[in-house]
Amino acid sequence: MHVPTRAARSELVEARIAERVVFVSADALLVRIKELCPFPFEELREVLGGATAGEVFWVQEEPRNQGAWPHVALRVGHILEKPLVYYGRHGDAVPAPGVGKLYRAQQEVVIKGAFEGLGS
């Protein structure tokens, strides 16, 4: 059985976690990293050690060139035997578009994409 694994950070997932719990627990492992420094190498080894069968994603609401992605991408490679895949907004000069409606639409795309295929 192919089980996708999602490693997620920030309010992005918390915004919808209540309606996603069944899907996440049934098909995936959702890990929220609360502290990045010092980096939790041992804790992630413990949690992700069994994630060799599926894909491992980093999900964040900030653009790719911001947030924790640059920091995490360099470090998780020491734990996994495969690449960590980024899922979130494309790189941008600003952390949010500044228009609430556009921000919510972008956030919804990230949330739906991160959970696509789970529970099916």
C-alpha atoms as a PDB file:
ATOM      1  CA  MET A   1       0.000   0.000   0.000  1.00  0.00           C
ATOM      2  CA  HIS A   2       1.377   3.387  -1.001  1.00  0.00           C
ATOM      3  CA  VAL A   3       0.994   5.796   1.915  1.00  0.00           C
ATOM      4  CA  PRO A   4       1.819   9.448   1.238  1.00  0.00           C
ATOM      5  CA  THR A   5       3.415  11.242   4.151  1.00  0.00           C
ATOM      6  CA  ARG A   6       2.966  14.949   4.686  1.00  0.00           C
ATOM      7  CA  ALA A   7       5.223  16.976   6.944  1.00  0.00           C
ATOM      8  CA  ALA A   8       3.459  20.239   7.568  1.00  0.00           C
ATOM      9  CA  ARG A   9       4.048  23.548   9.344  1.00  0.00           C
ATOM     10  CA  SER A  10       2.028  26.662  10.259  1.00  0.00           C
ATOM     11  CA  GLU A  11      -1.665  27.505  10.442  1.00  0.00           C
ATOM     12  CA  LEU A  12      -2.199  26.257   6.912  1.00  0.00           C
ATOM     13  CA  VAL A  13      -3.134  22.755   7.995  1.00  0.00           C
ATOM     14  CA  GLU A  14      -4.603  23.793  11.349  1.00  0.00           C
ATOM     15  CA  ALA A  15      -7.167  25.873   9.470  1.00  0.00           C
ATOM     16  CA  ARG A  16      -8.702  22.674   8.071  1.00  0.00           C
ATOM     17  CA  ILE A  17      -7.399  19.895  10.310  1.00  0.00           C
ATOM     18  CA  ALA A  18     -10.794  19.297  11.956  1.00  0.00           C
ATOM     19  CA  GLU A  19     -12.359  18.234   8.657  1.00  0.00           C
ATOM     20  CA  ARG A  20      -9.256  16.302   7.546  1.00  0.00           C
ATOM     21  CA  VAL A  21      -8.492  14.154  10.590  1.00  0.00           C
ATOM     22  CA  VAL A  22     -10.157  11.025   9.218  1.00  0.00           C
ATOM     23  CA  PHE A  23      -8.367  11.275   5.893  1.00  0.00           C
ATOM     24  CA  VAL A  24      -5.007  12.075   7.404  1.00  0.00           C
ATOM     25  CA  SER A  25      -5.139   9.304   9.981  1.00  0.00           C
ATOM     26  CA  ALA A  26      -6.380   6.795   7.409  1.00  0.00           C
ATOM     27  CA  ASP A  27      -3.853   7.437   4.655  1.00  0.00           C
ATOM     28  CA  ALA A  28      -1.026   9.607   5.852  1.00  0.00           C
ATOM     29  CA  LEU A  29       1.173  10.726   8.659  1.00  0.00           C
ATOM     30  CA  LEU A  30       0.908  14.428   9.426  1.00  0.00           C
ATOM     31  CA  VAL A  31       3.810  15.888  11.382  1.00  0.00           C
ATOM     32  CA  ARG A  32       3.838  19.466  12.633  1.00  0.00           C
ATOM     33  CA  ILE A  33       7.283  20.798  13.448  1.00  0.00           C
ATOM     34  CA  LYS A  34       6.913  23.524  16.060  1.00  0.00           C
ATOM     35  CA  GLU A  35      10.570  24.283  16.706  1.00  0.00           C
ATOM     36  CA  LEU A  36      13.211  24.456  13.988  1.00  0.00           C
ATOM     37  CA  CYS A  37      16.197  25.492  16.067  1.00  0.00           C
ATOM     38  CA  PRO A  38      17.717  23.360  17.313  1.00  0.00           C
ATOM     39  CA  PHE A  39      16.516  21.200  14.448  1.00  0.00           C
ATOM     40  CA  PRO A  40      14.669  18.074  15.696  1.00  0.00           C
ATOM     41  CA  PHE A  41      16.775  15.489  13.838  1.00  0.00           C
ATOM     42  CA  GLU A  42      16.197  12.646  16.323  1.00  0.00           C
ATOM     43  CA  GLU A  43      12.470  13.253  16.686  1.00  0.00           C
ATOM     44  CA  LEU A  44      12.004  13.303  12.909  1.00  0.00           C
ATOM     45  CA  ARG A  45      14.067  10.124  12.512  1.00  0.00           C
ATOM     46  CA  GLU A  46      11.725   8.432  14.974  1.00  0.00           C
ATOM     47  CA  VAL A  47       8.562   9.672  13.301  1.00  0.00           C
ATOM     48  CA  LEU A  48       9.608   9.417   9.654  1.00  0.00           C
ATOM     49  CA  GLY A  49      11.619   6.235   9.973  1.00  0.00           C
ATOM     50  CA  GLY A  50       8.727   4.164   8.674  1.00  0.00           C
ATOM     51  CA  ALA A  51       7.862   6.566   5.866  1.00  0.00           C
ATOM     52  CA  THR A  52      10.054   4.857   3.308  1.00  0.00           C
ATOM     53  CA  ALA A  53       7.125   3.567   1.225  1.00  0.00           C
ATOM     54  CA  GLY A  54       5.464   6.903   0.508  1.00  0.00           C
ATOM     55  CA  GLU A  55       6.308  10.390  -0.548  1.00  0.00           C
ATOM     56  CA  VAL A  56       7.317  12.977   2.018  1.00  0.00           C
ATOM     57  CA  PHE A  57       6.086  16.537   1.497  1.00  0.00           C
ATOM     58  CA  TRP A  58       6.827  19.824   3.206  1.00  0.00           C
ATOM     59  CA  VAL A  59       3.652  21.929   3.198  1.00  0.00           C
ATOM     60  CA  GLN A  60       3.701  25.628   4.061  1.00  0.00           C
ATOM     61  CA  GLU A  61       1.577  28.669   3.342  1.00  0.00           C
ATOM     62  CA  GLU A  62       4.505  31.047   2.856  1.00  0.00           C
ATOM     63  CA  PRO A  63       6.060  31.286  -0.608  1.00  0.00           C
ATOM     64  CA  ARG A  64       8.779  28.754  -1.477  1.00  0.00           C
ATOM     65  CA  ASN A  65      11.574  31.310  -1.028  1.00  0.00           C
ATOM     66  CA  GLN A  66      10.290  32.283   2.445  1.00  0.00           C
ATOM     67  CA  GLY A  67       9.150  30.482   5.559  1.00  0.00           C
ATOM     68  CA  ALA A  68      10.957  27.406   6.831  1.00  0.00           C
ATOM     69  CA  TRP A  69      11.405  25.543   3.526  1.00  0.00           C
ATOM     70  CA  PRO A  70      15.005  26.638   2.805  1.00  0.00           C
ATOM     71  CA  HIS A  71      16.041  25.701   6.368  1.00  0.00           C
ATOM     72  CA  VAL A  72      14.182  22.378   6.433  1.00  0.00           C
ATOM     73  CA  ALA A  73      15.087  21.216   2.926  1.00  0.00           C
ATOM     74  CA  LEU A  74      18.792  21.238   3.765  1.00  0.00           C
ATOM     75  CA  ARG A  75      18.332  19.261   6.980  1.00  0.00           C
ATOM     76  CA  VAL A  76      15.699  16.635   6.213  1.00  0.00           C
ATOM     77  CA  GLY A  77      17.918  15.123   3.525  1.00  0.00           C
ATOM     78  CA  HIS A  78      20.057  13.732   6.345  1.00  0.00           C
ATOM     79  CA  ILE A  79      17.057  11.799   7.658  1.00  0.00           C
ATOM     80  CA  LEU A  80      15.289  10.585   4.513  1.00  0.00           C
ATOM     81  CA  GLU A  81      16.679   8.339   1.822  1.00  0.00           C
ATOM     82  CA  LYS A  82      14.652  10.225  -0.780  1.00  0.00           C
ATOM     83  CA  PRO A  83      14.018  13.868  -1.616  1.00  0.00           C
ATOM     84  CA  LEU A  84      11.647  16.000   0.410  1.00  0.00           C
ATOM     85  CA  VAL A  85       9.004  17.473  -1.902  1.00  0.00           C
ATOM     86  CA  TYR A  86       7.805  21.068  -1.436  1.00  0.00           C
ATOM     87  CA  TYR A  87       4.114  21.865  -1.658  1.00  0.00           C
ATOM     88  CA  GLY A  88       2.967  25.441  -1.238  1.00  0.00           C
ATOM     89  CA  ARG A  89       2.935  28.802  -2.950  1.00  0.00           C
ATOM     90  CA  HIS A  90       5.494  29.637  -5.613  1.00  0.00           C
ATOM     91  CA  GLY A  91       8.351  32.002  -4.743  1.00  0.00           C
ATOM     92  CA  ASP A  92       7.262  35.595  -4.247  1.00  0.00           C
ATOM     93  CA  ALA A  93       8.663  38.912  -3.046  1.00  0.00           C
ATOM     94  CA  VAL A  94       5.967  39.207  -0.374  1.00  0.00           C
ATOM     95  CA  PRO A  95       4.717  36.638   2.178  1.00  0.00           C
ATOM     96  CA  ALA A  96       1.046  37.246   1.264  1.00  0.00           C
ATOM     97  CA  PRO A  97      -0.672  38.922  -1.707  1.00  0.00           C
ATOM     98  CA  GLY A  98      -2.234  41.713   0.396  1.00  0.00           C
ATOM     99  CA  VAL A  99      -5.761  41.065  -0.855  1.00  0.00           C
ATOM    100  CA  GLY A 100      -7.809  38.855   1.459  1.00  0.00           C
ATOM    101  CA  LYS A 101      -9.821  37.188  -1.293  1.00  0.00           C
ATOM    102  CA  LEU A 102      -6.702  36.330  -3.303  1.00  0.00           C
ATOM    103  CA  TYR A 103      -4.897  35.089  -0.171  1.00  0.00           C
ATOM    104  CA  ARG A 104      -7.792  32.769   0.741  1.00  0.00           C
ATOM    105  CA  ALA A 105      -7.945  31.434  -2.824  1.00  0.00           C
ATOM    106  CA  GLN A 106      -4.188  30.707  -2.826  1.00  0.00           C
ATOM    107  CA  GLN A 107      -4.403  29.094   0.603  1.00  0.00           C
ATOM    108  CA  GLU A 108      -7.302  26.891  -0.520  1.00  0.00           C
ATOM    109  CA  VAL A 109      -5.268  25.662  -3.518  1.00  0.00           C
ATOM    110  CA  VAL A 110      -2.404  24.672  -1.215  1.00  0.00           C
ATOM    111  CA  ILE A 111      -4.699  22.950   1.295  1.00  0.00           C
ATOM    112  CA  LYS A 112      -6.622  21.013  -1.350  1.00  0.00           C
ATOM    113  CA  GLY A 113      -3.430  20.000  -3.131  1.00  0.00           C
ATOM    114  CA  ALA A 114      -1.761  18.859   0.069  1.00  0.00           C
ATOM    115  CA  PHE A 115      -4.646  16.529   0.910  1.00  0.00           C
ATOM    116  CA  GLU A 116      -5.579  15.491  -2.632  1.00  0.00           C
ATOM    117  CA  GLY A 117      -6.073  11.761  -2.959  1.00  0.00           C
ATOM    118  CA  LEU A 118      -6.155  11.031   0.758  1.00  0.00           C
ATOM    119  CA  GLY A 119      -9.016   8.839   1.849  1.00  0.00           C
ATOM    120  CA  SER A 120      -9.871   7.708  -1.662  1.00  0.00           C
END
